[in-house]
């Protein structure tokens, strides 16, 4: 998977989480759980992107 695809996937996932963030702000605790899960996935994806970019840099 390319770095661009990884970043785009992260953007799409965060856009999906935006709806749950609004629900959480209105008091829906279950939506807050989904937001936390999305944030953890974004963190992991961001780390994967960093590793891939570093690997690409070192191999050139």
Protein backbone atom coordinates (compact mmCIF):
# COMPACT_ATOMS: atom_id res chain seq x y z
CA UNK A 1 0.00 0.00 0.00
CA UNK A 2 1.36 3.41 -0.92
CA UNK A 3 1.83 6.19 1.59
CA UNK A 4 -0.78 8.23 -0.26
CA UNK A 5 -3.33 5.43 0.08
CA UNK A 6 -2.53 5.05 3.77
CA UNK A 7 -3.02 8.76 4.42
CA UNK A 8 -6.23 8.84 2.37
CA UNK A 9 -7.57 5.87 4.34
CA UNK A 10 -6.81 7.69 7.57
CA UNK A 11 -8.58 10.83 6.32
CA UNK A 12 -11.63 8.78 5.30
CA UNK A 13 -11.76 7.06 8.70
CA UNK A 14 -11.49 10.39 10.52
CA UNK A 15 -14.25 11.89 8.38
CA UNK A 16 -16.44 8.91 9.31
CA UNK A 17 -15.65 9.48 13.00
CA UNK A 18 -16.72 13.12 12.73
CA UNK A 19 -20.39 12.13 12.90
CA UNK A 20 -19.80 10.14 16.06
CA UNK A 21 -17.87 13.06 17.55
CA UNK A 22 -20.96 15.24 17.15
CA UNK A 23 -23.13 12.56 18.73
CA UNK A 24 -20.71 12.33 21.64
CA UNK A 25 -20.86 16.09 22.13
CA UNK A 26 -24.63 15.76 22.44
CA UNK A 27 -24.24 13.16 25.21
CA UNK A 28 -24.07 9.80 23.44
CA UNK A 29 -21.43 7.84 25.35
CA UNK A 30 -21.42 4.92 22.89
CA UNK A 31 -20.42 7.35 20.15
CA UNK A 32 -17.54 8.46 22.34
CA UNK A 33 -16.30 4.88 22.45
CA UNK A 34 -16.36 4.74 18.66
CA UNK A 35 -14.46 8.04 18.47
CA UNK A 36 -11.76 6.72 20.81
CA UNK A 37 -11.47 3.57 18.70
CA UNK A 38 -11.11 5.67 15.53
CA UNK A 39 -8.46 7.85 17.17
CA UNK A 40 -6.45 4.76 18.20
CA UNK A 41 -6.66 3.41 14.64
CA UNK A 42 -5.53 6.81 13.28
CA UNK A 43 -2.58 6.80 15.68
CA UNK A 44 -1.56 3.33 14.52
CA UNK A 45 -1.93 4.27 10.86
CA UNK A 46 0.09 7.44 11.39
CA UNK A 47 2.87 5.35 12.94
CA UNK A 48 2.77 2.96 9.96
CA UNK A 49 3.02 5.93 7.59
CA UNK A 50 6.04 7.27 9.49
CA UNK A 51 7.74 3.87 9.35
CA UNK A 52 7.07 3.52 5.61
CA UNK A 53 8.37 7.01 4.84
CA UNK A 54 11.49 6.39 6.92
CA UNK A 55 12.03 3.05 5.20
CA UNK A 56 11.61 4.65 1.77
CA UNK A 57 14.07 7.40 2.71
CA UNK A 58 16.68 4.93 3.94
CA UNK A 59 16.41 2.72 0.86
CA UNK A 60 17.12 5.53 -1.60
